[in-house]
Amino acid sequence: MKLKSLLIGTVLAATSITSYAAGDSQNVNVALVGTPATGYSSHFGLDHLVVGTFTDVFTFSPSVGSSLLNVWVQTMSLGVNHDIDFYSADLNGNALTFTPNGGFEAGWLNPTSVSGPLVLTVSGMANTVTASYSGTLNVDPVPEPETYIMMLGGLGILSFIGRRRKKS
């Protein structure tokens, strides 16, 4: 009788583990591409080793000033193996657009202006063990208004000097 109870308890515990896939939180460094004026880029992704729903949170650092950025998230399954269905994803409250669920799924955020800490939240369902996805975040700094004023002032000075030379 005790063996039967132990076996039933083990089966119930095993089925409860496979019905929920916990989410994960990760800090991701955003790497400089060339110079700060060129921008930043980062790769991220996760493997889910348990079948079930998940919500993953990626926090990108360092925080960025006023920037223009885009995000791409994707998964590809080989038949029924490694299958993930995305439910939703957003970066700082900006929702990503997804392709329909299937063997290849992708989500993207068209260039959007943001500032501050970047937090990407991805929700979905891992339909098989060892399901995974990956993505890319690209950040292009947006010049401050003072930069445009200085540029226009410089062009004005150059045109003044050019006209002055042309008169003499």
N, C-alpha and C. Protein backbone atom coordinates (compact mmCIF):
# COMPACT_ATOMS: atom_id res chain seq x y z
N MET A 1 0.83 -1.19 0.00
CA MET A 1 0.00 0.00 0.00
C MET A 1 0.87 1.26 0.00
N LYS A 2 1.95 1.25 0.83
CA LYS A 2 2.83 2.41 0.87
C LYS A 2 3.54 2.60 -0.47
N LEU A 3 3.91 1.51 -1.11
CA LEU A 3 4.56 1.60 -2.41
C LEU A 3 3.63 2.21 -3.45
N LYS A 4 2.35 1.82 -3.41
CA LYS A 4 1.37 2.37 -4.34
C LYS A 4 1.19 3.87 -4.12
N SER A 5 1.11 4.31 -2.86
CA SER A 5 0.99 5.74 -2.54
C SER A 5 2.22 6.51 -2.99
N LEU A 6 3.38 5.92 -2.77
CA LEU A 6 4.63 6.56 -3.19
C LEU A 6 4.69 6.70 -4.70
N LEU A 7 4.27 5.67 -5.42
CA LEU A 7 4.26 5.71 -6.87
C LEU A 7 3.28 6.76 -7.39
N ILE A 8 2.10 6.83 -6.83
CA ILE A 8 1.11 7.84 -7.24
C ILE A 8 1.64 9.24 -6.94
N GLY A 9 2.25 9.43 -5.79
CA GLY A 9 2.82 10.74 -5.45
C GLY A 9 3.92 11.15 -6.40
N THR A 10 4.76 10.22 -6.79
CA THR A 10 5.84 10.50 -7.73
C THR A 10 5.29 10.88 -9.10
N VAL A 11 4.29 10.16 -9.56
CA VAL A 11 3.68 10.47 -10.86
C VAL A 11 3.03 11.85 -10.83
N LEU A 12 2.31 12.18 -9.78
CA LEU A 12 1.68 13.50 -9.66
C LEU A 12 2.73 14.60 -9.62
N ALA A 13 3.81 14.39 -8.89
CA ALA A 13 4.89 15.39 -8.83
C ALA A 13 5.52 15.59 -10.19
N ALA A 14 5.76 14.49 -10.92
CA ALA A 14 6.38 14.59 -12.25
C ALA A 14 5.47 15.33 -13.23
N THR A 15 4.17 15.06 -13.18
CA THR A 15 3.27 15.74 -14.12
C THR A 15 3.11 17.21 -13.78
N SER A 16 3.19 17.57 -12.51
CA SER A 16 3.08 18.99 -12.17
C SER A 16 4.31 19.75 -12.60
N ILE A 17 5.47 19.11 -12.61
CA ILE A 17 6.70 19.77 -13.07
C ILE A 17 6.62 20.03 -14.55
N THR A 18 6.09 19.11 -15.35
CA THR A 18 6.07 19.29 -16.79
C THR A 18 4.97 20.23 -17.26
N SER A 19 4.04 20.62 -16.38
CA SER A 19 2.95 21.48 -16.83
C SER A 19 3.27 22.96 -16.69
N TYR A 20 4.38 23.30 -16.07
CA TYR A 20 4.71 24.71 -15.90
C TYR A 20 6.20 24.91 -16.12
N ALA A 21 6.54 25.79 -17.02
CA ALA A 21 7.94 26.13 -17.27
C ALA A 21 8.17 27.52 -16.68
N ALA A 22 9.01 27.59 -15.70
CA ALA A 22 9.26 28.87 -15.04
C ALA A 22 9.93 29.85 -15.99
N GLY A 23 9.69 31.11 -15.75
CA GLY A 23 10.35 32.14 -16.52
C GLY A 23 11.75 32.39 -15.99
N ASP A 24 12.49 33.21 -16.68
CA ASP A 24 13.86 33.49 -16.31
C ASP A 24 14.09 34.99 -16.42
N SER A 25 14.98 35.51 -15.60
CA SER A 25 15.39 36.91 -15.69
C SER A 25 16.88 36.95 -15.95
N GLN A 26 17.29 37.75 -16.92
CA GLN A 26 18.70 37.86 -17.26
C GLN A 26 19.09 39.31 -17.45
N ASN A 27 20.32 39.62 -17.03
CA ASN A 27 20.91 40.92 -17.33
C ASN A 27 21.80 40.72 -18.56
N VAL A 28 21.62 41.56 -19.56
CA VAL A 28 22.35 41.44 -20.82
C VAL A 28 23.13 42.73 -21.06
N ASN A 29 24.42 42.60 -21.33
CA ASN A 29 25.23 43.77 -21.65
C ASN A 29 25.01 44.16 -23.10
N VAL A 30 24.88 45.46 -23.32
CA VAL A 30 24.74 45.99 -24.67
C VAL A 30 26.13 46.44 -25.09
N ALA A 31 26.67 45.84 -26.15
CA ALA A 31 28.04 46.10 -26.58
C ALA A 31 28.10 47.29 -27.54
N LEU A 32 29.14 48.07 -27.37
CA LEU A 32 29.39 49.21 -28.25
C LEU A 32 29.84 48.71 -29.61
N VAL A 33 29.25 49.24 -30.68
CA VAL A 33 29.64 48.90 -32.04
C VAL A 33 30.37 50.10 -32.61
N GLY A 34 31.69 50.06 -32.64
CA GLY A 34 32.48 51.20 -33.13
C GLY A 34 32.57 52.28 -32.07
N THR A 35 31.85 53.38 -32.28
CA THR A 35 31.87 54.52 -31.36
C THR A 35 30.46 54.73 -30.82
N PRO A 36 30.32 55.53 -29.74
CA PRO A 36 28.97 55.80 -29.23
C PRO A 36 28.04 56.39 -30.30
N ALA A 37 28.59 57.12 -31.26
CA ALA A 37 27.77 57.69 -32.32
C ALA A 37 27.27 56.61 -33.28
N THR A 38 28.01 55.49 -33.38
CA THR A 38 27.62 54.38 -34.26
C THR A 38 26.48 53.58 -33.67
N GLY A 39 26.52 53.34 -32.36
CA GLY A 39 25.43 52.62 -31.71
C GLY A 39 25.88 51.39 -30.95
N TYR A 40 24.91 50.64 -30.49
CA TYR A 40 25.14 49.47 -29.65
C TYR A 40 24.34 48.29 -30.19
N SER A 41 24.77 47.08 -29.82
CA SER A 41 24.05 45.89 -30.24
C SER A 41 24.19 44.82 -29.17
N SER A 42 23.21 43.91 -29.11
CA SER A 42 23.26 42.83 -28.13
C SER A 42 22.51 41.63 -28.65
N HIS A 43 23.01 40.44 -28.32
CA HIS A 43 22.35 39.18 -28.64
C HIS A 43 21.85 38.58 -27.33
N PHE A 44 20.70 37.92 -27.37
CA PHE A 44 20.15 37.29 -26.17
C PHE A 44 19.36 36.06 -26.58
N GLY A 45 19.01 35.23 -25.62
CA GLY A 45 18.21 34.05 -25.89
C GLY A 45 18.17 33.14 -24.69
N LEU A 46 17.27 32.17 -24.73
CA LEU A 46 17.12 31.22 -23.63
C LEU A 46 16.72 29.85 -24.15
N ASP A 47 17.12 28.83 -23.40
CA ASP A 47 16.67 27.46 -23.62
C ASP A 47 15.66 27.13 -22.53
N HIS A 48 14.54 26.54 -22.93
CA HIS A 48 13.54 26.09 -21.95
C HIS A 48 13.57 24.56 -21.94
N LEU A 49 13.90 24.00 -20.79
CA LEU A 49 14.07 22.56 -20.67
C LEU A 49 12.85 21.88 -20.06
N VAL A 50 11.78 22.63 -19.87
CA VAL A 50 10.54 22.10 -19.29
C VAL A 50 9.37 22.54 -20.16
N VAL A 51 8.43 21.65 -20.39
CA VAL A 51 7.24 21.98 -21.17
C VAL A 51 6.33 22.88 -20.33
N GLY A 52 5.78 23.93 -20.94
CA GLY A 52 4.83 24.80 -20.24
C GLY A 52 5.01 26.25 -20.61
N THR A 53 4.19 27.10 -19.99
CA THR A 53 4.24 28.54 -20.28
C THR A 53 5.44 29.17 -19.58
N PHE A 54 5.89 30.28 -20.12
CA PHE A 54 7.01 31.01 -19.53
C PHE A 54 6.84 32.50 -19.75
N THR A 55 7.47 33.26 -18.90
CA THR A 55 7.63 34.71 -19.07
C THR A 55 9.07 35.03 -18.71
N ASP A 56 9.85 35.45 -19.69
CA ASP A 56 11.26 35.77 -19.50
C ASP A 56 11.45 37.27 -19.54
N VAL A 57 12.34 37.77 -18.70
CA VAL A 57 12.61 39.21 -18.64
C VAL A 57 14.10 39.43 -18.87
N PHE A 58 14.43 40.24 -19.87
CA PHE A 58 15.81 40.61 -20.17
C PHE A 58 15.99 42.09 -19.84
N THR A 59 16.95 42.40 -18.99
CA THR A 59 17.27 43.79 -18.67
C THR A 59 18.61 44.11 -19.32
N PHE A 60 18.60 45.09 -20.21
CA PHE A 60 19.81 45.44 -20.96
C PHE A 60 20.52 46.58 -20.25
N SER A 61 21.84 46.50 -20.15
CA SER A 61 22.61 47.57 -19.54
C SER A 61 23.84 47.82 -20.39
N PRO A 62 24.35 49.03 -20.41
CA PRO A 62 23.92 50.15 -19.57
C PRO A 62 22.63 50.78 -20.11
N SER A 63 22.00 51.61 -19.28
CA SER A 63 20.83 52.37 -19.72
C SER A 63 21.26 53.31 -20.83
N VAL A 64 20.34 53.63 -21.70
CA VAL A 64 20.67 54.49 -22.84
C VAL A 64 19.94 55.82 -22.71
N GLY A 65 20.55 56.86 -23.29
CA GLY A 65 19.87 58.14 -23.39
C GLY A 65 18.85 58.03 -24.50
N SER A 66 18.40 59.14 -25.00
CA SER A 66 17.42 59.14 -26.08
C SER A 66 17.99 58.35 -27.26
N SER A 67 17.33 57.26 -27.64
CA SER A 67 17.85 56.36 -28.66
C SER A 67 16.75 55.86 -29.56
N LEU A 68 17.15 55.44 -30.74
CA LEU A 68 16.28 54.78 -31.69
C LEU A 68 16.71 53.32 -31.70
N LEU A 69 15.78 52.39 -31.49
CA LEU A 69 16.19 50.99 -31.42
C LEU A 69 15.20 50.08 -32.11
N ASN A 70 15.66 48.86 -32.41
CA ASN A 70 14.80 47.82 -32.92
C ASN A 70 15.17 46.50 -32.26
N VAL A 71 14.21 45.57 -32.25
CA VAL A 71 14.39 44.27 -31.61
C VAL A 71 13.89 43.20 -32.56
N TRP A 72 14.57 42.04 -32.56
CA TRP A 72 14.16 40.89 -33.34
C TRP A 72 14.25 39.66 -32.44
N VAL A 73 13.18 38.86 -32.37
CA VAL A 73 13.14 37.63 -31.59
C VAL A 73 12.69 36.52 -32.52
N GLN A 74 13.33 35.33 -32.45
CA GLN A 74 12.94 34.25 -33.35
C GLN A 74 13.13 32.88 -32.73
N THR A 75 12.37 31.92 -33.24
CA THR A 75 12.53 30.51 -32.89
C THR A 75 12.25 29.69 -34.14
N MET A 76 12.90 28.53 -34.22
CA MET A 76 12.68 27.64 -35.34
C MET A 76 12.66 26.22 -34.80
N SER A 77 11.64 25.44 -35.18
CA SER A 77 11.56 24.07 -34.70
C SER A 77 11.79 23.10 -35.84
N LEU A 78 12.30 21.94 -35.49
CA LEU A 78 12.51 20.88 -36.47
C LEU A 78 11.36 19.89 -36.30
N GLY A 79 10.33 20.06 -37.08
CA GLY A 79 9.13 19.25 -36.91
C GLY A 79 8.45 19.63 -35.61
N VAL A 80 8.21 18.67 -34.74
CA VAL A 80 7.59 18.97 -33.46
C VAL A 80 8.63 19.17 -32.37
N ASN A 81 9.90 18.97 -32.69
CA ASN A 81 10.96 19.14 -31.69
C ASN A 81 11.32 20.61 -31.53
N HIS A 82 11.63 21.00 -30.32
CA HIS A 82 12.12 22.34 -30.01
C HIS A 82 11.11 23.44 -30.30
N ASP A 83 9.83 23.16 -30.19
CA ASP A 83 8.79 24.11 -30.58
C ASP A 83 8.44 25.08 -29.46
N ILE A 84 8.46 26.37 -29.79
CA ILE A 84 8.01 27.44 -28.90
C ILE A 84 6.93 28.22 -29.64
N ASP A 85 5.85 28.54 -28.95
CA ASP A 85 4.84 29.46 -29.48
C ASP A 85 4.92 30.74 -28.65
N PHE A 86 5.15 31.86 -29.33
CA PHE A 86 5.19 33.14 -28.62
C PHE A 86 3.77 33.64 -28.38
N TYR A 87 3.50 34.12 -27.17
CA TYR A 87 2.23 34.76 -26.87
C TYR A 87 2.34 36.27 -27.07
N SER A 88 3.41 36.86 -26.50
CA SER A 88 3.60 38.31 -26.61
C SER A 88 5.02 38.65 -26.21
N ALA A 89 5.41 39.86 -26.54
CA ALA A 89 6.70 40.40 -26.11
C ALA A 89 6.59 41.91 -26.20
N ASP A 90 7.26 42.60 -25.27
CA ASP A 90 7.29 44.06 -25.35
C ASP A 90 8.60 44.58 -24.78
N LEU A 91 9.02 45.70 -25.32
CA LEU A 91 10.22 46.39 -24.85
C LEU A 91 9.78 47.74 -24.33
N ASN A 92 9.93 47.93 -23.02
CA ASN A 92 9.50 49.18 -22.36
C ASN A 92 8.07 49.54 -22.73
N GLY A 93 7.19 48.55 -22.80
CA GLY A 93 5.78 48.80 -23.09
C GLY A 93 5.43 48.86 -24.57
N ASN A 94 6.41 48.78 -25.47
CA ASN A 94 6.17 48.78 -26.91
C ASN A 94 6.06 47.33 -27.38
N ALA A 95 4.88 46.93 -27.87
CA ALA A 95 4.63 45.54 -28.26
C ALA A 95 5.34 45.17 -29.55
N LEU A 96 5.89 43.95 -29.59
CA LEU A 96 6.47 43.40 -30.80
C LEU A 96 5.36 42.81 -31.66
N THR A 97 5.57 42.79 -32.97
CA THR A 97 4.67 42.17 -33.93
C THR A 97 5.20 40.78 -34.23
N PHE A 98 4.32 39.75 -34.21
CA PHE A 98 4.76 38.38 -34.42
C PHE A 98 4.13 37.77 -35.67
N THR A 99 4.87 36.84 -36.28
CA THR A 99 4.33 36.00 -37.34
C THR A 99 3.40 34.98 -36.68
N PRO A 100 2.55 34.30 -37.46
CA PRO A 100 1.69 33.26 -36.86
C PRO A 100 2.52 32.12 -36.28
N ASN A 101 1.96 31.42 -35.28
CA ASN A 101 2.64 30.27 -34.69
C ASN A 101 2.87 29.21 -35.75
N GLY A 102 4.03 28.56 -35.66
CA GLY A 102 4.38 27.51 -36.63
C GLY A 102 5.81 27.08 -36.43
N GLY A 103 6.38 26.47 -37.47
CA GLY A 103 7.75 25.96 -37.39
C GLY A 103 8.78 27.06 -37.25
N PHE A 104 8.53 28.21 -37.85
CA PHE A 104 9.43 29.36 -37.72
C PHE A 104 8.58 30.53 -37.26
N GLU A 105 8.93 31.10 -36.13
CA GLU A 105 8.21 32.26 -35.61
C GLU A 105 9.19 33.38 -35.36
N ALA A 106 8.77 34.58 -35.66
CA ALA A 106 9.62 35.74 -35.44
C ALA A 106 8.77 36.90 -34.95
N GLY A 107 9.38 37.73 -34.14
CA GLY A 107 8.75 38.94 -33.67
C GLY A 107 9.71 40.10 -33.81
N TRP A 108 9.21 41.28 -34.08
CA TRP A 108 10.07 42.43 -34.28
C TRP A 108 9.39 43.68 -33.77
N LEU A 109 10.21 44.64 -33.45
CA LEU A 109 9.76 45.97 -33.07
C LEU A 109 10.41 46.92 -34.04
N ASN A 110 9.60 47.61 -34.84
CA ASN A 110 10.13 48.59 -35.78
C ASN A 110 10.85 49.67 -35.02
N PRO A 111 11.75 50.39 -35.67
CA PRO A 111 12.50 51.42 -34.95
C PRO A 111 11.60 52.32 -34.11
N THR A 112 11.93 52.40 -32.83
CA THR A 112 11.15 53.13 -31.85
C THR A 112 12.10 53.98 -31.01
N SER A 113 11.67 55.15 -30.62
CA SER A 113 12.49 56.03 -29.79
C SER A 113 12.20 55.75 -28.31
N VAL A 114 13.25 55.46 -27.54
CA VAL A 114 13.13 55.21 -26.11
C VAL A 114 14.32 55.81 -25.39
N SER A 115 14.23 55.87 -24.07
CA SER A 115 15.37 56.24 -23.24
C SER A 115 15.24 55.54 -21.90
N GLY A 116 16.34 55.46 -21.18
CA GLY A 116 16.32 54.83 -19.87
C GLY A 116 16.67 53.37 -19.92
N PRO A 117 16.37 52.65 -18.83
CA PRO A 117 16.66 51.22 -18.80
C PRO A 117 15.80 50.47 -19.81
N LEU A 118 16.40 49.52 -20.52
CA LEU A 118 15.68 48.75 -21.52
C LEU A 118 15.31 47.40 -20.93
N VAL A 119 14.01 47.09 -20.90
CA VAL A 119 13.52 45.82 -20.34
C VAL A 119 12.63 45.15 -21.38
N LEU A 120 13.04 43.95 -21.81
CA LEU A 120 12.28 43.16 -22.77
C LEU A 120 11.62 42.01 -22.03
N THR A 121 10.30 41.86 -22.19
CA THR A 121 9.55 40.77 -21.57
C THR A 121 8.98 39.90 -22.68
N VAL A 122 9.30 38.60 -22.64
CA VAL A 122 8.86 37.64 -23.66
C VAL A 122 8.01 36.57 -22.98
N SER A 123 6.79 36.33 -23.49
CA SER A 123 5.91 35.29 -22.94
C SER A 123 5.56 34.30 -24.03
N GLY A 124 5.43 33.03 -23.63
CA GLY A 124 5.07 32.02 -24.62
C GLY A 124 4.88 30.66 -24.00
N MET A 125 4.89 29.66 -24.86
CA MET A 125 4.69 28.27 -24.44
C MET A 125 5.80 27.42 -25.05
N ALA A 126 6.53 26.72 -24.18
CA ALA A 126 7.50 25.72 -24.64
C ALA A 126 6.72 24.43 -24.80
N ASN A 127 6.52 23.99 -26.04
CA ASN A 127 5.70 22.82 -26.31
C ASN A 127 6.46 21.51 -26.17
N THR A 128 7.78 21.58 -26.17
CA THR A 128 8.61 20.39 -26.01
C THR A 128 9.78 20.72 -25.10
N VAL A 129 10.42 19.68 -24.62
CA VAL A 129 11.64 19.88 -23.83
C VAL A 129 12.74 20.34 -24.78
N THR A 130 13.63 21.17 -24.32
CA THR A 130 14.73 21.76 -25.07
C THR A 130 14.26 22.70 -26.18
N ALA A 131 13.26 23.50 -25.91
CA ALA A 131 12.82 24.53 -26.85
C ALA A 131 13.63 25.80 -26.56
N SER A 132 13.97 26.54 -27.59
CA SER A 132 14.80 27.72 -27.38
C SER A 132 14.42 28.83 -28.36
N TYR A 133 14.87 30.03 -28.04
CA TYR A 133 14.71 31.18 -28.93
C TYR A 133 15.88 32.12 -28.72
N SER A 134 16.07 33.02 -29.66
CA SER A 134 17.15 34.00 -29.55
C SER A 134 16.70 35.30 -30.18
N GLY A 135 17.51 36.33 -29.99
CA GLY A 135 17.14 37.63 -30.55
C GLY A 135 18.29 38.60 -30.57
N THR A 136 18.02 39.76 -31.14
CA THR A 136 19.00 40.83 -31.27
C THR A 136 18.34 42.16 -30.91
N LEU A 137 19.08 42.99 -30.22
CA LEU A 137 18.65 44.36 -29.89
C LEU A 137 19.69 45.30 -30.48
N ASN A 138 19.26 46.27 -31.28
CA ASN A 138 20.16 47.28 -31.85
C ASN A 138 19.73 48.66 -31.38
N VAL A 139 20.72 49.46 -30.94
CA VAL A 139 20.44 50.78 -30.39
C VAL A 139 21.27 51.81 -31.16
N ASP A 140 20.60 52.82 -31.70
CA ASP A 140 21.27 53.95 -32.37
C ASP A 140 20.97 55.21 -31.58
N PRO A 141 22.00 55.89 -31.10
CA PRO A 141 21.74 57.11 -30.32
C PRO A 141 21.11 58.20 -31.19
N VAL A 142 20.18 58.94 -30.60
CA VAL A 142 19.54 60.07 -31.27
C VAL A 142 20.21 61.33 -30.75
N PRO A 143 20.73 62.16 -31.65
CA PRO A 143 21.40 63.37 -31.17
C PRO A 143 20.45 64.28 -30.39
N GLU A 144 21.01 64.94 -29.37
CA GLU A 144 20.25 65.91 -28.58
C GLU A 144 20.00 67.15 -29.44
N PRO A 145 18.97 67.95 -29.12
CA PRO A 145 18.70 69.17 -29.91
C PRO A 145 19.90 70.12 -29.96
N GLU A 146 20.70 70.13 -28.88
CA GLU A 146 21.87 71.02 -28.87
C GLU A 146 22.84 70.65 -29.98
N THR A 147 22.92 69.37 -30.33
CA THR A 147 23.82 68.93 -31.39
C THR A 147 23.39 69.53 -32.72
N TYR A 148 22.09 69.54 -32.99
CA TYR A 148 21.60 70.13 -34.23
C TYR A 148 21.85 71.63 -34.26
N ILE A 149 21.67 72.29 -33.13
CA ILE A 149 21.91 73.74 -33.06
C ILE A 149 23.37 74.04 -33.34
N MET A 150 24.28 73.24 -32.74
CA MET A 150 25.71 73.45 -32.99
C MET A 150 26.05 73.19 -34.46
N MET A 151 25.45 72.17 -35.07
CA MET A 151 25.71 71.86 -36.46
C MET A 151 25.23 73.00 -37.36
N LEU A 152 24.02 73.49 -37.10
CA LEU A 152 23.50 74.61 -37.91
C LEU A 152 24.34 75.86 -37.71
N GLY A 153 24.79 76.10 -36.48
CA GLY A 153 25.66 77.26 -36.23
C GLY A 153 26.97 77.13 -37.00
N GLY A 154 27.54 75.94 -37.01
CA GLY A 154 28.79 75.71 -37.76
C GLY A 154 28.59 75.91 -39.25
N LEU A 155 27.49 75.43 -39.79
CA LEU A 155 27.20 75.64 -41.22
C LEU A 155 27.01 77.12 -41.52
N GLY A 156 26.35 77.82 -40.59
CA GLY A 156 26.17 79.26 -40.78
C GLY A 156 27.50 80.01 -40.81
N ILE A 157 28.40 79.63 -39.92
CA ILE A 157 29.74 80.28 -39.89
C ILE A 157 30.50 79.96 -41.17
N LEU A 158 30.43 78.71 -41.63
CA LEU A 158 31.12 78.35 -42.87
C LEU A 158 30.56 79.11 -44.07
N SER A 159 29.24 79.26 -44.14
CA SER A 159 28.66 80.01 -45.26
C SER A 159 29.02 81.49 -45.17
N PHE A 160 29.09 82.05 -43.95
CA PHE A 160 29.50 83.45 -43.78
C PHE A 160 30.94 83.65 -44.26
N ILE A 161 31.81 82.72 -43.88
CA ILE A 161 33.22 82.82 -44.31
C ILE A 161 33.32 82.65 -45.82
N GLY A 162 32.54 81.72 -46.39
CA GLY A 162 32.57 81.52 -47.84
C GLY A 162 32.09 82.75 -48.60
N ARG A 163 31.04 83.40 -48.13
CA ARG A 163 30.56 84.62 -48.80
C ARG A 163 31.55 85.76 -48.67
N ARG A 164 32.17 85.84 -47.51
CA ARG A 164 33.14 86.90 -47.28
C ARG A 164 34.33 86.75 -48.22
N ARG A 165 34.79 85.50 -48.39
CA ARG A 165 35.92 85.24 -49.30
C ARG A 165 35.51 85.51 -50.75
N LYS A 166 34.27 85.21 -51.08
CA LYS A 166 33.80 85.40 -52.45
C LYS A 166 33.74 86.88 -52.80
N LYS A 167 33.39 87.75 -51.82
CA LYS A 167 33.33 89.19 -52.07
C LYS A 167 34.70 89.79 -52.26
N SER A 168 35.75 89.24 -51.59
CA SER A 168 37.08 89.84 -51.72
C SER A 168 37.89 89.27 -52.81
